[in-house]
Amino acid sequence: MTMTDPKREKIKPYEEDSAGKKEQVTRMFDNIAGGYDFLNRLLSARFDVKWRNKLTSQILVHSPKNILDVATGTGDVAITLGHKDKNVLIDGVDISRKMLDVAEKKVRREKMEDRIKLSVEDAENLSMKNETYDVVTASFGVRNFENLQKGLSEMHRVLRPGGHIYILEFSKPKIFPFKQGYNFYFQNILPFIGKIRSGDAKAYQYLYESVQAFPDREKFLDKLQEVGFNSVQCTELTLGICQIYSGKK
């Protein structure tokens, strides 16, 4: 039986709205899709590029033939994988149609339409058949799942036996005084810049709140094991801002 985490469930982009988390997250990403890439580079000081390079290098060690990129957003991870391995096939899925519209333009620009296929999917109810992919990955997406266990179970289901999962996600730094500076930036500066550039301050306020509520490090490794993954581990990036979580089916 899968259950929602009450703490995570109440963290929503638009708290005054009665809609569920999934609907609100979809609306939020539709709202900010146009400026998403620019703000990612600006607000992360381009560390997001380094993080994706680290993630994709770890994935391609296994020489996968096909990959599912869950919560693909504007397609940066899928495109990076496509550049690094000319033979890999990637299915990118996301709940936000407008994010995928941006991703499709980028895929066409890179002339990767034959290797990267994009579609609207709910990560907690994937349409793919059992044991389809060699690798399943997600970047900065799983903390937005309404039901984390269900989403991870779906990722496990569509993996072939022996396949690997790789998840890049924000975590909470622990080192003083970096932790305090990070929290101030994410609570105060990031929502202000986000409001100016995207018109949606709540989306970037939600980013901080969702990271705080997310079960990171050992707690997330426990979540992976609960749905059936083994050989789980995490790699810390940039003083603990992010983690790469991995496991094997």
C-alpha atoms as a PDB file:
ATOM      1  CA  MET A   1       0.000   0.000   0.000  1.00  0.00           C
ATOM      2  CA  THR A   2       1.359   3.428  -0.929  1.00  0.00           C
ATOM      3  CA  MET A   3       0.676   6.447   1.206  1.00  0.00           C
ATOM      4  CA  THR A   4       1.367  10.147   0.814  1.00  0.00           C
ATOM      5  CA  ASP A   5       3.708  11.836   3.266  1.00  0.00           C
ATOM      6  CA  PRO A   6       1.548  14.385   5.168  1.00  0.00           C
ATOM      7  CA  LYS A   7       4.468  16.819   5.561  1.00  0.00           C
ATOM      8  CA  ARG A   8       5.314  16.726   1.862  1.00  0.00           C
ATOM      9  CA  GLU A   9       1.663  16.742   0.782  1.00  0.00           C
ATOM     10  CA  LYS A  10       0.975  20.106   2.410  1.00  0.00           C
ATOM     11  CA  ILE A  11       3.952  21.770   0.713  1.00  0.00           C
ATOM     12  CA  LYS A  12       2.336  23.209  -2.398  1.00  0.00           C
ATOM     13  CA  PRO A  13       3.197  26.129  -4.677  1.00  0.00           C
ATOM     14  CA  TYR A  14      -0.061  27.980  -4.022  1.00  0.00           C
ATOM     15  CA  GLU A  15      -1.093  27.344  -0.427  1.00  0.00           C
ATOM     16  CA  GLU A  16      -4.291  29.398  -0.657  1.00  0.00           C
ATOM     17  CA  ASP A  17      -5.522  27.175  -3.505  1.00  0.00           C
ATOM     18  CA  SER A  18      -7.615  24.098  -2.716  1.00  0.00           C
ATOM     19  CA  ALA A  19      -6.251  22.115  -5.696  1.00  0.00           C
ATOM     20  CA  GLY A  20      -4.026  19.103  -5.040  1.00  0.00           C
ATOM     21  CA  LYS A  21      -0.247  19.247  -5.186  1.00  0.00           C
ATOM     22  CA  LYS A  22      -0.018  17.556  -8.591  1.00  0.00           C
ATOM     23  CA  GLU A  23      -2.364  20.055 -10.234  1.00  0.00           C
ATOM     24  CA  GLN A  24      -0.604  23.001  -8.609  1.00  0.00           C
ATOM     25  CA  VAL A  25       2.865  21.777  -9.631  1.00  0.00           C
ATOM     26  CA  THR A  26       1.659  21.366 -13.223  1.00  0.00           C
ATOM     27  CA  ARG A  27       0.271  24.905 -13.243  1.00  0.00           C
ATOM     28  CA  MET A  28       3.429  26.286 -11.642  1.00  0.00           C
ATOM     29  CA  PHE A  29       5.726  24.813 -14.301  1.00  0.00           C
ATOM     30  CA  ASP A  30       3.384  25.923 -17.058  1.00  0.00           C
ATOM     31  CA  ASN A  31       3.614  29.439 -15.618  1.00  0.00           C
ATOM     32  CA  ILE A  32       7.415  29.612 -15.491  1.00  0.00           C
ATOM     33  CA  ALA A  33       8.301  27.487 -18.544  1.00  0.00           C
ATOM     34  CA  GLY A  34       9.274  30.437 -20.750  1.00  0.00           C
ATOM     35  CA  GLY A  35      11.998  31.716 -18.432  1.00  0.00           C
ATOM     36  CA  TYR A  36      12.912  28.449 -16.746  1.00  0.00           C
ATOM     37  CA  ASP A  37      16.257  27.847 -18.463  1.00  0.00           C
ATOM     38  CA  PHE A  38      17.470  31.430 -18.037  1.00  0.00           C
ATOM     39  CA  LEU A  39      16.602  31.456 -14.343  1.00  0.00           C
ATOM     40  CA  ASN A  40      18.214  28.050 -13.786  1.00  0.00           C
ATOM     41  CA  ARG A  41      21.527  29.324 -15.125  1.00  0.00           C
ATOM     42  CA  LEU A  42      21.268  32.645 -13.302  1.00  0.00           C
ATOM     43  CA  LEU A  43      20.110  31.382  -9.927  1.00  0.00           C
ATOM     44  CA  SER A  44      22.517  28.443  -9.815  1.00  0.00           C
ATOM     45  CA  ALA A  45      25.487  30.440 -11.184  1.00  0.00           C
ATOM     46  CA  ARG A  46      25.604  27.771 -13.920  1.00  0.00           C
ATOM     47  CA  PHE A  47      26.303  25.018 -11.396  1.00  0.00           C
ATOM     48  CA  ASP A  48      23.257  23.260 -12.870  1.00  0.00           C
ATOM     49  CA  VAL A  49      25.327  22.568 -16.002  1.00  0.00           C
ATOM     50  CA  LYS A  50      28.092  20.956 -13.924  1.00  0.00           C
ATOM     51  CA  TRP A  51      25.577  18.894 -11.983  1.00  0.00           C
ATOM     52  CA  ARG A  52      23.992  17.539 -15.170  1.00  0.00           C
ATOM     53  CA  ASN A  53      27.390  16.684 -16.599  1.00  0.00           C
ATOM     54  CA  LYS A  54      28.244  14.719 -13.465  1.00  0.00           C
ATOM     55  CA  LEU A  55      24.882  12.926 -13.535  1.00  0.00           C
ATOM     56  CA  THR A  56      25.019  12.001 -17.206  1.00  0.00           C
ATOM     57  CA  SER A  57      28.605  10.789 -16.966  1.00  0.00           C
ATOM     58  CA  GLN A  58      27.582   8.393 -14.178  1.00  0.00           C
ATOM     59  CA  ILE A  59      24.608   7.163 -16.208  1.00  0.00           C
ATOM     60  CA  LEU A  60      26.619   6.469 -19.359  1.00  0.00           C
ATOM     61  CA  VAL A  61      29.165   4.319 -17.509  1.00  0.00           C
ATOM     62  CA  HIS A  62      26.578   1.529 -17.909  1.00  0.00           C
ATOM     63  CA  SER A  63      26.351   1.947 -21.721  1.00  0.00           C
ATOM     64  CA  PRO A  64      22.531   1.990 -21.705  1.00  0.00           C
ATOM     65  CA  LYS A  65      20.618   1.542 -24.945  1.00  0.00           C
ATOM     66  CA  ASN A  66      17.477   3.307 -23.797  1.00  0.00           C
ATOM     67  CA  ILE A  67      16.764   5.734 -20.992  1.00  0.00           C
ATOM     68  CA  LEU A  68      13.627   7.190 -19.444  1.00  0.00           C
ATOM     69  CA  ASP A  69      14.073  10.771 -18.238  1.00  0.00           C
ATOM     70  CA  VAL A  70      11.250  11.445 -15.778  1.00  0.00           C
ATOM     71  CA  ALA A  71      10.278  15.073 -15.123  1.00  0.00           C
ATOM     72  CA  THR A  72      12.433  16.000 -18.103  1.00  0.00           C
ATOM     73  CA  GLY A  73      11.271  19.618 -17.975  1.00  0.00           C
ATOM     74  CA  THR A  74      12.913  21.574 -20.773  1.00  0.00           C
ATOM     75  CA  GLY A  75      14.969  18.531 -21.775  1.00  0.00           C
ATOM     76  CA  ASP A  76      18.448  19.516 -20.608  1.00  0.00           C
ATOM     77  CA  VAL A  77      19.403  16.091 -19.231  1.00  0.00           C
ATOM     78  CA  ALA A  78      18.013  14.260 -22.266  1.00  0.00           C
ATOM     79  CA  ILE A  79      19.896  16.551 -24.640  1.00  0.00           C
ATOM     80  CA  THR A  80      23.129  16.249 -22.638  1.00  0.00           C
ATOM     81  CA  LEU A  81      22.837  12.462 -22.792  1.00  0.00           C
ATOM     82  CA  GLY A  82      22.193  12.680 -26.521  1.00  0.00           C
ATOM     83  CA  HIS A  83      25.320  14.754 -27.075  1.00  0.00           C
ATOM     84  CA  LYS A  84      27.518  12.432 -25.036  1.00  0.00           C
ATOM     85  CA  ASP A  85      26.265   9.183 -26.585  1.00  0.00           C
ATOM     86  CA  LYS A  86      25.144   9.245 -30.213  1.00  0.00           C
ATOM     87  CA  ASN A  87      23.514   5.799 -29.980  1.00  0.00           C
ATOM     88  CA  VAL A  88      21.373   6.078 -26.860  1.00  0.00           C
ATOM     89  CA  LEU A  89      17.584   6.473 -27.194  1.00  0.00           C
ATOM     90  CA  ILE A  90      15.824   8.670 -24.653  1.00  0.00           C
ATOM     91  CA  ASP A  91      12.175   9.047 -23.726  1.00  0.00           C
ATOM     92  CA  GLY A  92      11.580  12.295 -21.863  1.00  0.00           C
ATOM     93  CA  VAL A  93       8.323  12.696 -19.943  1.00  0.00           C
ATOM     94  CA  ASP A  94       6.859  15.541 -17.939  1.00  0.00           C
ATOM     95  CA  ILE A  95       3.525  16.569 -16.489  1.00  0.00           C
ATOM     96  CA  SER A  96       3.810  20.124 -17.866  1.00  0.00           C
ATOM     97  CA  ARG A  97       2.899  20.568 -21.521  1.00  0.00           C
ATOM     98  CA  LYS A  98       4.493  24.025 -21.690  1.00  0.00           C
ATOM     99  CA  MET A  99       7.816  22.759 -20.341  1.00  0.00           C
ATOM    100  CA  LEU A 100       7.766  20.087 -23.035  1.00  0.00           C
ATOM    101  CA  ASP A 101       7.018  22.732 -25.675  1.00  0.00           C
ATOM    102  CA  VAL A 102      10.319  24.385 -24.751  1.00  0.00           C
ATOM    103  CA  ALA A 103      12.074  20.997 -24.732  1.00  0.00           C
ATOM    104  CA  GLU A 104      10.742  20.130 -28.200  1.00  0.00           C
ATOM    105  CA  LYS A 105      12.151  23.336 -29.684  1.00  0.00           C
ATOM    106  CA  LYS A 106      15.551  22.563 -28.199  1.00  0.00           C
ATOM    107  CA  VAL A 107      15.489  18.960 -29.432  1.00  0.00           C
ATOM    108  CA  ARG A 108      14.671  20.144 -32.956  1.00  0.00           C
ATOM    109  CA  ARG A 109      17.418  22.747 -32.783  1.00  0.00           C
ATOM    110  CA  GLU A 110      19.916  20.034 -31.824  1.00  0.00           C
ATOM    111  CA  LYS A 111      18.531  17.727 -34.546  1.00  0.00           C
ATOM    112  CA  MET A 112      17.857  14.922 -32.074  1.00  0.00           C
ATOM    113  CA  GLU A 113      14.224  14.173 -32.947  1.00  0.00           C
ATOM    114  CA  ASP A 114      15.141  10.622 -33.994  1.00  0.00           C
ATOM    115  CA  ARG A 115      16.724   9.844 -30.611  1.00  0.00           C
ATOM    116  CA  ILE A 116      14.749  11.894 -28.070  1.00  0.00           C
ATOM    117  CA  LYS A 117      10.981  11.391 -27.821  1.00  0.00           C
ATOM    118  CA  LEU A 118       8.958  13.656 -25.540  1.00  0.00           C
ATOM    119  CA  SER A 119       5.487  13.109 -24.107  1.00  0.00           C
ATOM    120  CA  VAL A 120       3.161  14.273 -21.366  1.00  0.00           C
ATOM    121  CA  GLU A 121       3.087  11.696 -18.583  1.00  0.00           C
ATOM    122  CA  ASP A 122       2.200  11.538 -14.910  1.00  0.00           C
ATOM    123  CA  ALA A 123       5.294  10.074 -13.228  1.00  0.00           C
ATOM    124  CA  GLU A 124       3.087   8.297 -10.714  1.00  0.00           C
ATOM    125  CA  ASN A 125       1.084   6.552 -13.470  1.00  0.00           C
ATOM    126  CA  LEU A 126       3.475   5.903 -16.351  1.00  0.00           C
ATOM    127  CA  SER A 127       2.043   4.374 -19.525  1.00  0.00           C
ATOM    128  CA  MET A 128       5.232   2.422 -20.308  1.00  0.00           C
ATOM    129  CA  LYS A 129       5.328  -1.362 -20.130  1.00  0.00           C
ATOM    130  CA  ASN A 130       7.127  -3.254 -17.381  1.00  0.00           C
ATOM    131  CA  GLU A 131      10.896  -3.712 -17.745  1.00  0.00           C
ATOM    132  CA  THR A 132      11.346  -1.363 -20.704  1.00  0.00           C
ATOM    133  CA  TYR A 133      14.441   0.721 -19.876  1.00  0.00           C
ATOM    134  CA  ASP A 134      18.103   0.199 -18.990  1.00  0.00           C
ATOM    135  CA  VAL A 135      18.215   3.429 -16.955  1.00  0.00           C
ATOM    136  CA  VAL A 136      15.575   5.663 -15.415  1.00  0.00           C
ATOM    137  CA  THR A 137      16.606   9.115 -14.265  1.00  0.00           C
ATOM    138  CA  ALA A 138      15.037  12.276 -12.852  1.00  0.00           C
ATOM    139  CA  SER A 139      16.541  15.685 -12.120  1.00  0.00           C
ATOM    140  CA  PHE A 140      14.976  18.061  -9.601  1.00  0.00           C
ATOM    141  CA  GLY A 141      11.631  16.352 -10.085  1.00  0.00           C
ATOM    142  CA  VAL A 142      10.960  13.694  -7.474  1.00  0.00           C
ATOM    143  CA  ARG A 143      10.445  16.173  -4.638  1.00  0.00           C
ATOM    144  CA  ASN A 144       7.440  17.449  -6.619  1.00  0.00           C
ATOM    145  CA  PHE A 145       5.724  14.051  -6.664  1.00  0.00           C
ATOM    146  CA  GLU A 146       2.434  14.044  -4.817  1.00  0.00           C
ATOM    147  CA  ASN A 147       3.080  10.452  -3.766  1.00  0.00           C
ATOM    148  CA  LEU A 148       6.830   9.839  -3.634  1.00  0.00           C
ATOM    149  CA  GLN A 149       6.592   6.105  -3.018  1.00  0.00           C
ATOM    150  CA  LYS A 150       4.251   5.613  -5.960  1.00  0.00           C
ATOM    151  CA  GLY A 151       6.480   7.616  -8.287  1.00  0.00           C
ATOM    152  CA  LEU A 152       9.586   5.676  -7.276  1.00  0.00           C
ATOM    153  CA  SER A 153       7.668   2.396  -7.622  1.00  0.00           C
ATOM    154  CA  GLU A 154       6.739   3.327 -11.189  1.00  0.00           C
ATOM    155  CA  MET A 155      10.374   4.073 -11.976  1.00  0.00           C
ATOM    156  CA  HIS A 156      11.297   0.655 -10.572  1.00  0.00           C
ATOM    157  CA  ARG A 157       8.545  -1.058 -12.558  1.00  0.00           C
ATOM    158  CA  VAL A 158       9.665   0.194 -15.963  1.00  0.00           C
ATOM    159  CA  LEU A 159      13.320  -0.711 -15.356  1.00  0.00           C
ATOM    160  CA  ARG A 160      14.730  -3.960 -16.670  1.00  0.00           C
ATOM    161  CA  PRO A 161      16.237  -6.361 -14.102  1.00  0.00           C
ATOM    162  CA  GLY A 162      19.769  -5.145 -13.501  1.00  0.00           C
ATOM    163  CA  GLY A 163      18.857  -1.646 -14.653  1.00  0.00           C
ATOM    164  CA  HIS A 164      19.854   1.503 -12.782  1.00  0.00           C
ATOM    165  CA  ILE A 165      18.113   4.528 -11.340  1.00  0.00           C
ATOM    166  CA  TYR A 166      19.818   7.922 -11.079  1.00  0.00           C
ATOM    167  CA  ILE A 167      18.206  10.877  -9.334  1.00  0.00           C
ATOM    168  CA  LEU A 168      19.645  14.381  -9.071  1.00  0.00           C
ATOM    169  CA  GLU A 169      17.921  16.352  -6.356  1.00  0.00           C
ATOM    170  CA  PHE A 170      18.471  19.300  -4.047  1.00  0.00           C
ATOM    171  CA  SER A 171      19.420  18.602  -0.447  1.00  0.00           C
ATOM    172  CA  LYS A 172      20.093  20.642   2.670  1.00  0.00           C
ATOM    173  CA  PRO A 173      23.710  21.768   3.225  1.00  0.00           C
ATOM    174  CA  LYS A 174      25.067  21.118   6.705  1.00  0.00           C
ATOM    175  CA  ILE A 175      28.366  23.031   6.776  1.00  0.00           C
ATOM    176  CA  PHE A 176      28.512  26.288   8.770  1.00  0.00           C
ATOM    177  CA  PRO A 177      28.337  29.076   7.579  1.00  0.00           C
ATOM    178  CA  PHE A 178      27.468  27.855   4.071  1.00  0.00           C
ATOM    179  CA  LYS A 179      24.203  26.403   5.383  1.00  0.00           C
ATOM    180  CA  GLN A 180      23.069  29.770   6.745  1.00  0.00           C
ATOM    181  CA  GLY A 181      24.019  31.651   3.575  1.00  0.00           C
ATOM    182  CA  TYR A 182      22.277  29.064   1.414  1.00  0.00           C
ATOM    183  CA  ASN A 183      19.081  29.292   3.454  1.00  0.00           C
ATOM    184  CA  PHE A 184      19.072  33.107   3.319  1.00  0.00           C
ATOM    185  CA  TYR A 185      19.567  33.069  -0.455  1.00  0.00           C
ATOM    186  CA  PHE A 186      16.840  30.500  -1.083  1.00  0.00           C
ATOM    187  CA  GLN A 187      14.349  32.114   1.287  1.00  0.00           C
ATOM    188  CA  ASN A 188      14.831  35.744   0.324  1.00  0.00           C
ATOM    189  CA  ILE A 189      16.867  36.479  -2.791  1.00  0.00           C
ATOM    190  CA  LEU A 190      15.750  33.650  -5.054  1.00  0.00           C
ATOM    191  CA  PRO A 191      11.975  34.337  -4.757  1.00  0.00           C
ATOM    192  CA  PHE A 192      12.596  38.050  -5.391  1.00  0.00           C
ATOM    193  CA  ILE A 193      14.579  37.420  -8.588  1.00  0.00           C
ATOM    194  CA  GLY A 194      12.102  34.723  -9.624  1.00  0.00           C
ATOM    195  CA  LYS A 195       9.198  37.140  -9.276  1.00  0.00           C
ATOM    196  CA  ILE A 196      10.928  39.789 -11.409  1.00  0.00           C
ATOM    197  CA  ARG A 197      11.893  37.396 -14.196  1.00  0.00           C
ATOM    198  CA  SER A 198       8.936  34.985 -14.219  1.00  0.00           C
ATOM    199  CA  GLY A 199       6.136  36.893 -12.501  1.00  0.00           C
ATOM    200  CA  ASP A 200       5.622  33.960 -10.126  1.00  0.00           C
ATOM    201  CA  ALA A 201       7.387  34.482  -6.793  1.00  0.00           C
ATOM    202  CA  LYS A 202       5.502  31.594  -5.216  1.00  0.00           C
ATOM    203  CA  ALA A 203       7.174  29.108  -7.570  1.00  0.00           C
ATOM    204  CA  TYR A 204      10.584  30.012  -6.168  1.00  0.00           C
ATOM    205  CA  GLN A 205       9.351  30.228  -2.595  1.00  0.00           C
ATOM    206  CA  TYR A 206       7.988  26.711  -3.106  1.00  0.00           C
ATOM    207  CA  LEU A 207      11.435  25.579  -4.275  1.00  0.00           C
ATOM    208  CA  TYR A 208      12.922  26.351  -0.854  1.00  0.00           C
ATOM    209  CA  GLU A 209       9.979  24.869   1.047  1.00  0.00           C
ATOM    210  CA  SER A 210       9.928  21.675  -1.009  1.00  0.00           C
ATOM    211  CA  VAL A 211      13.667  21.140  -0.478  1.00  0.00           C
ATOM    212  CA  GLN A 212      13.240  21.579   3.270  1.00  0.00           C
ATOM    213  CA  ALA A 213      10.439  18.987   3.341  1.00  0.00           C
ATOM    214  CA  PHE A 214      12.238  16.473   1.117  1.00  0.00           C
ATOM    215  CA  PRO A 215      13.715  13.361   2.811  1.00  0.00           C
ATOM    216  CA  ASP A 216      17.303  13.744   1.632  1.00  0.00           C
ATOM    217  CA  ARG A 217      20.508  11.711   2.063  1.00  0.00           C
ATOM    218  CA  GLU A 218      20.024   8.473   4.060  1.00  0.00           C
ATOM    219  CA  LYS A 219      16.274   9.008   4.320  1.00  0.00           C
ATOM    220  CA  PHE A 220      15.936   9.032   0.545  1.00  0.00           C
ATOM    221  CA  LEU A 221      18.186   5.990   0.164  1.00  0.00           C
ATOM    222  CA  ASP A 222      15.752   4.241   2.523  1.00  0.00           C
ATOM    223  CA  LYS A 223      12.882   5.264   0.205  1.00  0.00           C
ATOM    224  CA  LEU A 224      14.687   3.690  -2.763  1.00  0.00           C
ATOM    225  CA  GLN A 225      15.207   0.456  -0.859  1.00  0.00           C
ATOM    226  CA  GLU A 226      11.566   0.370   0.230  1.00  0.00           C
ATOM    227  CA  VAL A 227      10.410   0.146  -3.410  1.00  0.00           C
ATOM    228  CA  GLY A 228      12.936  -2.550  -4.305  1.00  0.00           C
ATOM    229  CA  PHE A 229      16.215  -0.915  -5.287  1.00  0.00           C
ATOM    230  CA  ASN A 230      19.508  -2.265  -3.977  1.00  0.00           C
ATOM    231  CA  SER A 231      23.141  -1.085  -4.019  1.00  0.00           C
ATOM    232  CA  VAL A 232      21.851   2.401  -3.219  1.00  0.00           C
ATOM    233  CA  GLN A 233      24.257   5.270  -2.672  1.00  0.00           C
ATOM    234  CA  CYS A 234      24.492   9.039  -2.937  1.00  0.00           C
ATOM    235  CA  THR A 235      27.158  11.411  -4.202  1.00  0.00           C
ATOM    236  CA  GLU A 236      27.276  14.878  -2.661  1.00  0.00           C
ATOM    237  CA  LEU A 237      27.717  17.878  -4.962  1.00  0.00           C
ATOM    238  CA  THR A 238      28.736  21.489  -4.226  1.00  0.00           C
ATOM    239  CA  LEU A 239      28.955  21.377  -0.425  1.00  0.00           C
ATOM    240  CA  GLY A 240      25.692  19.472  -0.125  1.00  0.00           C
ATOM    241  CA  ILE A 241      23.416  21.624  -2.300  1.00  0.00           C
ATOM    242  CA  CYS A 242      22.633  18.549  -4.402  1.00  0.00           C
ATOM    243  CA  GLN A 243      22.920  14.785  -4.266  1.00  0.00           C
ATOM    244  CA  ILE A 244      23.058  12.189  -6.995  1.00  0.00           C
ATOM    245  CA  TYR A 245      21.197   9.121  -5.749  1.00  0.00           C
ATOM    246  CA  SER A 246      21.642   5.804  -7.491  1.00  0.00           C
ATOM    247  CA  GLY A 247      20.424   2.243  -7.178  1.00  0.00           C
ATOM    248  CA  LYS A 248      20.036  -1.000  -9.069  1.00  0.00           C
ATOM    249  CA  LYS A 249      17.021  -3.186  -9.734  1.00  0.00           C
END
